[in-house]
Amino acid sequence: MVRKIIHLDLDAFFCAVEALRDPSLQGKPFAVGGRPEHRGVIASCSYPARVFGVHSAMPTARALQLCPELIVVPGNHHEYSTYSHRVIAHLHNLTDLIEQISIDEAFIDVSDLRAPAESIAAELQATIMREVRLPSSLGVASNKLVAKIANNVGKKSSRGGIPPMAIKVVQPGGEAAFLAPLPVDELWGVGPKTAAELQALGITTIGDLARLPEADLAARFGKHGHDLVRRARGIDDRPVTSDHEVKSISNETTFAQDIADEAELKRTLCRLAESVGRRLRRAALAGATVRIKLRWSDFTTLTRQVTLPALTDRDDDIYRAAQQLLDDHRPAGKPVRLIGVGVSSLAPPREQLHLWDTTNQKRQRLQLALDEVRDRFGRQAIQRAIEVSRDPSDQEL
């Protein structure tokens, strides 16, 4: 299965938060950093300030020389942490395969989600802007290396003193061609010293590096040479890894138009329950609490949950609980803007089998067989009855 990896980077994060705290800063050249009299440096600068050549890690005194009207504000790391947690919470609405690499940057593996990665990225960018009011840029590719570089390229293509809000997509199979014309120092592992050595060999682009025999680079750089060639060819097998303990697994979707049709809502609920169940099984987890999330046309959001009598990782258990919550808490005919399903109270699955009770074993084998078929042939290879029925009363899974 081709992976779908998104690299998220919040645009001028510290400054974006400061502009929310003090709207008078909007559109002005300003920076977060230390005072020049204390030999301070710039931690982050607004896009209008960047037009003057101001950048992060620059001494504040130098920044003020380049832009005398630059407003310098002190940092507030408690606020930045709060906003960062809010953004990460939205990522967890998509998947728990999240690798946060800094306060404003993360990788997200959305391979299990049905929608195209480009659509997921666009919806995520819009959600973060709407719900947290922060601009972000995203790179999309089949691996972490190319997704990160794609984001860098997308952000650099923006001009004009405003947040780039870029989305750069590299299609599977196009990794090497995308990287080839880029300067060699765009590649991970190529610092100033390595770049100088490569340039002495006539290597100025990533494509130049990719064309070199791997043995030649290994002879000069050792194992690092092998790694450089693989990266230059767009090869990166590293997984997206999360260090935090998973407390819940959820999926949600925002409709292009508000949906009032009950059958369509339940078909969507079924797909979301299936996605959550699959992620639980892949993580070797089961949960006892099922919840749904509903957002109405006026953006009012409702969450409701129910605790099951036993842990489960099965799609049908999750769907039935979510469907009952939908029936109990959605007024008849009320249009829905967003719908989500989640499972919490997680633990390793444990099955209590009775001597003559083979029902649970059969259901478990059936669930595993469904997973195997879909891994090989795609999700559409087998669909549940509710997904093809137009009758909202047909709830058989």
Protein backbone atom coordinates (compact mmCIF):
# COMPACT_ATOMS: atom_id res chain seq x y z
CA MET A 1 0.00 0.00 0.00
CA VAL A 2 1.34 3.45 -0.95
CA ARG A 3 1.60 5.60 2.14
CA LYS A 4 -0.02 9.02 2.44
CA ILE A 5 2.14 11.31 4.61
CA ILE A 6 1.40 14.96 5.41
CA HIS A 7 3.93 17.38 6.85
CA LEU A 8 2.24 20.27 8.69
CA ASP A 9 4.05 23.51 9.53
CA LEU A 10 2.29 26.46 11.16
CA ASP A 11 3.16 29.67 9.32
CA ALA A 12 5.19 32.10 11.51
CA PHE A 13 3.59 30.40 14.50
CA PHE A 14 4.73 32.66 17.35
CA CYS A 15 3.80 35.79 15.42
CA ALA A 16 0.46 34.33 14.36
CA VAL A 17 -0.41 33.71 18.02
CA GLU A 18 0.73 37.20 19.03
CA ALA A 19 -1.46 38.74 16.31
CA LEU A 20 -4.44 36.86 17.76
CA ARG A 21 -3.64 38.19 21.22
CA ASP A 22 -3.13 41.74 19.89
CA PRO A 23 -5.03 42.31 16.61
CA SER A 24 -3.31 45.70 16.17
CA LEU A 25 -0.23 43.74 15.04
CA GLN A 26 -2.04 42.29 12.03
CA GLY A 27 -0.37 43.27 8.75
CA LYS A 28 2.53 45.07 10.46
CA PRO A 29 6.24 44.23 10.46
CA PHE A 30 6.82 42.78 13.91
CA ALA A 31 8.84 40.06 15.54
CA VAL A 32 8.96 37.93 18.66
CA GLY A 33 12.39 38.20 20.23
CA GLY A 34 14.73 39.73 22.74
CA ARG A 35 15.54 43.40 23.15
CA PRO A 36 18.54 44.75 21.19
CA GLU A 37 20.12 46.27 24.32
CA HIS A 38 20.27 42.76 25.79
CA ARG A 39 21.84 41.26 22.66
CA GLY A 40 18.53 39.62 21.87
CA VAL A 41 17.76 37.59 18.76
CA ILE A 42 14.64 37.16 16.63
CA ALA A 43 12.68 33.99 17.41
CA SER A 44 9.97 34.55 14.80
CA CYS A 45 8.99 37.39 12.48
CA SER A 46 5.83 38.32 10.64
CA TYR A 47 5.65 38.05 6.87
CA PRO A 48 5.56 41.84 6.39
CA ALA A 49 8.85 41.96 8.36
CA ARG A 50 10.38 39.32 6.08
CA VAL A 51 9.94 41.63 3.11
CA PHE A 52 12.68 43.79 4.71
CA GLY A 53 15.03 40.79 5.05
CA VAL A 54 14.31 40.09 8.71
CA HIS A 55 14.48 36.40 9.63
CA SER A 56 14.63 34.17 12.69
CA ALA A 57 17.97 33.78 14.56
CA MET A 58 18.97 37.27 13.40
CA PRO A 59 20.24 39.65 16.11
CA THR A 60 17.47 42.05 17.01
CA ALA A 61 19.79 45.01 16.54
CA ARG A 62 20.42 43.95 12.93
CA ALA A 63 16.67 43.40 12.34
CA LEU A 64 15.98 46.96 13.50
CA GLN A 65 18.62 48.27 11.09
CA LEU A 66 16.88 46.51 8.21
CA CYS A 67 13.41 47.56 9.37
CA PRO A 68 13.47 50.59 11.72
CA GLU A 69 9.69 50.41 12.23
CA LEU A 70 9.90 46.78 13.37
CA ILE A 71 7.80 46.11 16.49
CA VAL A 72 9.52 43.67 18.84
CA VAL A 73 7.35 41.81 21.36
CA PRO A 74 8.47 39.36 24.06
CA GLY A 75 7.59 35.70 23.71
CA ASN A 76 4.81 33.98 25.64
CA HIS A 77 5.59 30.28 25.54
CA HIS A 78 2.63 29.26 27.68
CA GLU A 79 0.29 30.68 25.03
CA TYR A 80 2.26 29.04 22.22
CA SER A 81 2.02 25.68 23.97
CA THR A 82 -1.74 26.10 24.44
CA TYR A 83 -2.29 26.84 20.75
CA SER A 84 0.00 24.00 19.73
CA HIS A 85 -2.06 21.53 21.79
CA ARG A 86 -5.23 22.80 20.13
CA VAL A 87 -3.78 22.16 16.68
CA ILE A 88 -2.54 18.69 17.62
CA ALA A 89 -6.01 17.85 18.97
CA HIS A 90 -7.41 18.49 15.47
CA LEU A 91 -4.78 16.17 13.99
CA HIS A 92 -5.97 13.45 16.37
CA ASN A 93 -9.44 13.80 14.87
CA LEU A 94 -7.88 12.36 11.71
CA THR A 95 -5.46 9.77 13.05
CA ASP A 96 -3.24 8.93 16.00
CA LEU A 97 -0.26 8.32 13.71
CA ILE A 98 1.19 11.74 14.50
CA GLU A 99 4.86 12.56 15.01
CA GLN A 100 5.26 16.03 16.48
CA ILE A 101 8.78 17.24 15.76
CA SER A 102 8.48 20.73 17.23
CA ILE A 103 5.90 23.02 18.80
CA ASP A 104 4.66 24.05 15.33
CA GLU A 105 5.50 21.09 13.10
CA ALA A 106 4.31 17.50 12.73
CA PHE A 107 4.09 14.52 10.41
CA ILE A 108 0.71 12.81 9.97
CA ASP A 109 0.22 9.37 8.41
CA VAL A 110 -3.26 9.30 6.82
CA SER A 111 -2.76 6.12 4.81
CA ASP A 112 -5.78 4.48 6.45
CA LEU A 113 -8.16 7.27 5.43
CA ARG A 114 -10.27 6.82 2.31
CA ALA A 115 -10.03 10.36 0.92
CA PRO A 116 -7.10 11.48 -1.28
CA ALA A 117 -4.24 12.92 0.76
CA GLU A 118 -4.52 16.27 -1.04
CA SER A 119 -8.17 16.59 0.00
CA ILE A 120 -7.33 15.64 3.59
CA ALA A 121 -4.59 18.28 3.65
CA ALA A 122 -6.90 20.98 2.29
CA GLU A 123 -9.61 20.16 4.82
CA LEU A 124 -7.08 20.07 7.67
CA GLN A 125 -5.65 23.45 6.67
CA ALA A 126 -9.15 24.95 6.51
CA THR A 127 -10.11 23.42 9.88
CA ILE A 128 -7.04 24.82 11.66
CA MET A 129 -7.70 28.27 10.20
CA ARG A 130 -11.41 28.17 11.07
CA GLU A 131 -11.19 26.57 14.53
CA VAL A 132 -7.81 27.83 15.82
CA ARG A 133 -7.40 30.86 13.49
CA LEU A 134 -3.82 29.93 12.59
CA PRO A 135 -2.38 29.76 9.05
CA SER A 136 -0.51 26.60 8.08
CA SER A 137 1.30 25.05 5.14
CA LEU A 138 1.37 21.37 4.25
CA GLY A 139 3.49 19.03 2.15
CA VAL A 140 1.99 15.78 0.88
CA ALA A 141 3.95 12.78 -0.36
CA SER A 142 4.47 9.04 0.06
CA ASN A 143 7.17 9.49 2.73
CA LYS A 144 8.39 11.88 5.40
CA LEU A 145 11.49 13.11 3.55
CA VAL A 146 9.64 14.22 0.42
CA ALA A 147 6.64 15.60 2.36
CA LYS A 148 8.95 17.84 4.40
CA ILE A 149 10.86 19.10 1.36
CA ALA A 150 7.58 19.61 -0.53
CA ASN A 151 6.37 21.84 2.28
CA ASN A 152 9.61 23.84 2.19
CA VAL A 153 9.22 24.31 -1.57
CA GLY A 154 5.57 25.29 -1.24
CA LYS A 155 6.29 27.89 1.42
CA LYS A 156 9.14 29.40 -0.61
CA SER A 157 6.92 29.84 -3.64
CA SER A 158 4.78 32.35 -1.74
CA ARG A 159 5.48 36.03 -2.19
CA GLY A 160 4.17 39.32 -0.86
CA GLY A 161 4.33 39.63 2.92
CA ILE A 162 1.43 37.30 3.76
CA PRO A 163 1.38 33.77 5.22
CA PRO A 164 1.94 31.28 2.37
CA MET A 165 -0.89 28.87 3.34
CA ALA A 166 0.71 26.51 0.81
CA ILE A 167 -0.20 22.92 -0.04
CA LYS A 168 2.42 21.16 -2.17
CA VAL A 169 1.65 17.63 -3.36
CA VAL A 170 4.16 15.13 -4.78
CA GLN A 171 2.36 12.21 -6.41
CA PRO A 172 3.57 8.65 -5.73
CA GLY A 173 6.22 7.73 -8.27
CA GLY A 174 7.22 11.34 -8.83
CA GLU A 175 9.52 11.70 -5.81
CA ALA A 176 12.88 11.57 -7.66
CA ALA A 177 11.70 13.88 -10.45
CA PHE A 178 10.43 16.43 -7.90
CA LEU A 179 13.71 16.40 -5.98
CA ALA A 180 16.05 16.39 -8.98
CA PRO A 181 16.21 20.15 -9.78
CA LEU A 182 16.41 21.28 -6.15
CA PRO A 183 19.69 22.51 -4.60
CA VAL A 184 21.55 19.67 -2.91
CA ASP A 185 21.45 21.42 0.47
CA GLU A 186 17.63 20.97 0.53
CA LEU A 187 18.29 17.31 1.30
CA TRP A 188 18.31 16.06 4.89
CA GLY A 189 21.83 15.22 5.97
CA VAL A 190 23.49 17.77 3.71
CA GLY A 191 24.87 20.52 5.92
CA PRO A 192 27.30 23.26 4.88
CA LYS A 193 30.35 20.99 5.14
CA THR A 194 28.83 18.13 3.12
CA ALA A 195 27.39 20.60 0.59
CA ALA A 196 30.85 22.09 0.06
CA GLU A 197 32.38 18.64 -0.47
CA LEU A 198 29.65 17.71 -2.95
CA GLN A 199 30.03 20.98 -4.84
CA ALA A 200 33.77 20.27 -5.11
CA LEU A 201 32.71 17.11 -6.96
CA GLY A 202 30.46 19.13 -9.27
CA ILE A 203 27.26 18.11 -7.48
CA THR A 204 24.95 21.09 -7.08
CA THR A 205 21.48 19.56 -7.36
CA ILE A 206 19.77 16.58 -5.77
CA GLY A 207 19.47 15.08 -9.25
CA ASP A 208 23.26 15.26 -9.66
CA LEU A 209 23.60 13.33 -6.41
CA ALA A 210 20.98 10.74 -7.39
CA ARG A 211 22.85 9.90 -10.59
CA LEU A 212 26.12 9.09 -8.84
CA PRO A 213 26.97 5.40 -8.28
CA GLU A 214 26.17 4.53 -4.70
CA ALA A 215 29.53 2.77 -4.29
CA ASP A 216 31.41 5.98 -5.15
CA LEU A 217 29.60 7.99 -2.49
CA ALA A 218 29.97 5.18 0.05
CA ALA A 219 33.73 5.12 -0.57
CA ARG A 220 33.93 8.84 0.15
CA PHE A 221 31.31 9.29 2.89
CA GLY A 222 30.86 5.78 4.33
CA LYS A 223 27.33 4.78 5.43
CA HIS A 224 26.29 8.42 5.08
CA GLY A 225 26.98 8.07 1.36
CA HIS A 226 24.50 5.19 1.05
CA ASP A 227 21.88 7.25 2.92
CA LEU A 228 22.48 10.31 0.73
CA VAL A 229 21.88 8.41 -2.51
CA ARG A 230 18.66 6.83 -1.20
CA ARG A 231 17.35 10.21 -0.07
CA ALA A 232 18.33 11.85 -3.35
CA ARG A 233 16.22 9.23 -5.14
CA GLY A 234 13.25 10.01 -2.89
CA ILE A 235 13.45 6.80 -0.85
CA ASP A 236 12.52 7.03 2.84
CA ASP A 237 10.99 4.05 4.67
CA ARG A 238 10.87 5.57 8.13
CA PRO A 239 7.46 5.31 9.79
CA VAL A 240 5.58 8.15 11.42
CA THR A 241 6.10 7.37 15.11
CA SER A 242 4.26 8.72 18.11
CA ASP A 243 5.81 8.73 21.58
CA HIS A 244 2.64 9.51 23.49
CA GLU A 245 0.22 7.00 24.95
CA VAL A 246 -2.89 6.73 22.79
CA LYS A 247 -5.96 7.64 24.86
CA SER A 248 -8.55 7.56 22.10
CA ILE A 249 -8.94 6.82 18.41
CA SER A 250 -11.37 8.78 16.28
CA ASN A 251 -12.26 9.84 12.76
CA GLU A 252 -14.53 12.60 11.54
CA THR A 253 -15.60 14.14 8.25
CA THR A 254 -16.89 17.57 7.26
CA PHE A 255 -19.48 17.50 4.49
CA ALA A 256 -19.13 19.79 1.48
CA GLN A 257 -22.81 20.63 2.04
CA ASP A 258 -24.82 20.13 5.22
CA ILE A 259 -26.49 16.70 5.19
CA ALA A 260 -30.02 16.06 6.46
CA ASP A 261 -30.56 12.70 4.73
CA GLU A 262 -30.64 10.00 7.41
CA ALA A 263 -29.45 7.21 5.11
CA GLU A 264 -26.41 9.23 4.01
CA LEU A 265 -25.54 10.10 7.62
CA LYS A 266 -25.68 6.45 8.64
CA ARG A 267 -23.59 5.35 5.66
CA THR A 268 -20.98 7.92 6.67
CA LEU A 269 -21.20 6.79 10.29
CA CYS A 270 -20.62 3.21 9.14
CA ARG A 271 -17.48 4.18 7.19
CA LEU A 272 -16.12 6.15 10.15
CA ALA A 273 -16.79 3.26 12.56
CA GLU A 274 -15.02 0.92 10.18
CA SER A 275 -11.99 3.22 9.99
CA VAL A 276 -11.82 3.53 13.79
CA GLY A 277 -12.14 -0.23 14.23
CA ARG A 278 -9.39 -0.88 11.73
CA ARG A 279 -7.05 1.53 13.49
CA LEU A 280 -7.81 -0.10 16.84
CA ARG A 281 -6.92 -3.53 15.48
CA ARG A 282 -3.71 -2.25 13.91
CA ALA A 283 -2.72 -0.74 17.26
CA ALA A 284 -3.71 -3.96 19.11
CA LEU A 285 -6.18 -1.98 21.21
CA ALA A 286 -9.86 -2.14 22.10
CA GLY A 287 -12.12 0.39 23.81
CA ALA A 288 -15.12 0.49 26.11
CA THR A 289 -16.45 3.98 25.35
CA VAL A 290 -17.93 5.00 21.99
CA ARG A 291 -18.68 8.64 21.25
CA ILE A 292 -20.03 10.64 18.37
CA LYS A 293 -19.39 14.25 17.43
CA LEU A 294 -21.97 16.32 15.59
CA ARG A 295 -21.65 19.86 14.27
CA TRP A 296 -24.73 21.72 13.09
CA SER A 297 -25.01 24.36 10.38
CA ASP A 298 -24.35 27.19 12.88
CA PHE A 299 -21.08 25.47 13.97
CA THR A 300 -22.54 24.44 17.33
CA THR A 301 -20.81 21.18 18.25
CA LEU A 302 -22.26 18.31 20.28
CA THR A 303 -20.46 15.24 21.65
CA ARG A 304 -22.20 12.28 23.27
CA GLN A 305 -20.85 8.94 24.44
CA VAL A 306 -21.88 5.56 25.81
CA THR A 307 -19.93 2.93 27.73
CA LEU A 308 -20.20 -0.63 26.44
CA PRO A 309 -20.37 -3.70 28.69
CA ALA A 310 -17.03 -4.96 27.35
CA LEU A 311 -14.00 -3.80 25.36
CA THR A 312 -14.35 -4.02 21.59
CA ASP A 313 -12.35 -3.41 18.43
CA ARG A 314 -15.10 -4.52 16.04
CA ASP A 315 -16.64 -2.29 13.42
CA ASP A 316 -20.19 -3.54 14.02
CA ASP A 317 -20.07 -2.92 17.78
CA ILE A 318 -18.74 0.59 17.24
CA TYR A 319 -21.27 1.38 14.53
CA ARG A 320 -24.30 0.15 16.50
CA ALA A 321 -23.34 2.23 19.52
CA ALA A 322 -22.65 5.30 17.36
CA GLN A 323 -25.89 4.82 15.40
CA GLN A 324 -27.90 4.66 18.63
CA LEU A 325 -26.23 7.87 19.84
CA LEU A 326 -27.11 9.54 16.53
CA ASP A 327 -30.75 8.44 16.82
CA ASP A 328 -30.96 9.61 20.44
CA HIS A 329 -29.35 13.02 20.07
CA ARG A 330 -29.99 14.33 16.55
CA PRO A 331 -33.37 16.04 16.14
CA ALA A 332 -35.22 14.54 13.19
CA GLY A 333 -34.30 16.23 9.92
CA LYS A 334 -31.64 18.50 11.44
CA PRO A 335 -28.82 19.09 8.92
CA VAL A 336 -25.32 18.00 9.95
CA ARG A 337 -22.15 19.81 8.92
CA LEU A 338 -19.66 17.42 10.55
CA ILE A 339 -19.95 13.92 11.97
CA GLY A 340 -17.33 11.93 13.88
CA VAL A 341 -16.89 8.63 15.70
CA GLY A 342 -14.40 7.89 18.46
CA VAL A 343 -13.48 5.14 20.89
CA SER A 344 -11.75 5.69 24.24
CA SER A 345 -11.07 3.86 27.54
CA LEU A 346 -8.50 1.85 25.60
CA ALA A 347 -6.68 -1.32 26.62
CA PRO A 348 -5.31 -4.45 24.92
CA PRO A 349 -8.26 -6.57 23.72
CA ARG A 350 -9.23 -9.50 25.89
CA GLU A 351 -11.74 -12.12 24.85
CA GLN A 352 -13.53 -14.25 27.44
CA LEU A 353 -14.49 -17.43 25.60
CA HIS A 354 -16.96 -19.99 26.87
CA LEU A 355 -16.63 -23.70 26.10
CA TRP A 356 -19.50 -23.90 23.60
CA ASP A 357 -19.61 -20.25 22.51
CA THR A 358 -18.06 -19.93 19.05
CA THR A 359 -20.01 -16.82 17.96
CA ASN A 360 -17.36 -14.34 19.06
CA GLN A 361 -14.61 -16.44 17.50
CA LYS A 362 -16.48 -16.51 14.18
CA ARG A 363 -17.04 -12.75 14.28
CA GLN A 364 -13.38 -12.18 15.03
CA ARG A 365 -12.27 -14.42 12.14
CA LEU A 366 -14.71 -12.65 9.81
CA GLN A 367 -13.37 -9.24 10.86
CA LEU A 368 -9.78 -10.32 10.24
CA ALA A 369 -10.76 -11.78 6.86
CA LEU A 370 -12.39 -8.46 5.87
CA ASP A 371 -9.21 -6.60 6.86
CA GLU A 372 -7.07 -8.95 4.79
CA VAL A 373 -9.24 -8.60 1.66
CA ARG A 374 -9.27 -4.81 1.93
CA ASP A 375 -5.52 -4.69 2.46
CA ARG A 376 -5.05 -6.58 -0.80
CA PHE A 377 -7.81 -5.17 -2.99
CA GLY A 378 -8.89 -1.90 -1.39
CA ARG A 379 -11.79 -0.87 0.78
CA GLN A 380 -14.36 -1.03 -2.03
CA ALA A 381 -13.71 -4.75 -2.55
CA ILE A 382 -16.27 -5.52 0.20
CA GLN A 383 -18.98 -3.14 1.34
CA ARG A 384 -21.53 -3.54 4.08
CA ALA A 385 -25.24 -3.61 3.34
CA ILE A 386 -25.90 -0.21 4.89
CA GLU A 387 -23.40 1.43 2.52
CA VAL A 388 -25.28 0.39 -0.61
CA SER A 389 -28.83 0.59 0.78
CA ARG A 390 -30.84 3.79 0.35
CA ASP A 391 -33.17 2.78 3.20
CA PRO A 392 -32.26 4.41 6.55
CA SER A 393 -33.97 1.59 8.42
CA ASP A 394 -31.53 -0.95 6.97
CA GLN A 395 -28.95 -1.12 9.74
CA GLU A 396 -27.62 -4.61 9.16
CA LEU A 397 -23.83 -4.78 9.05
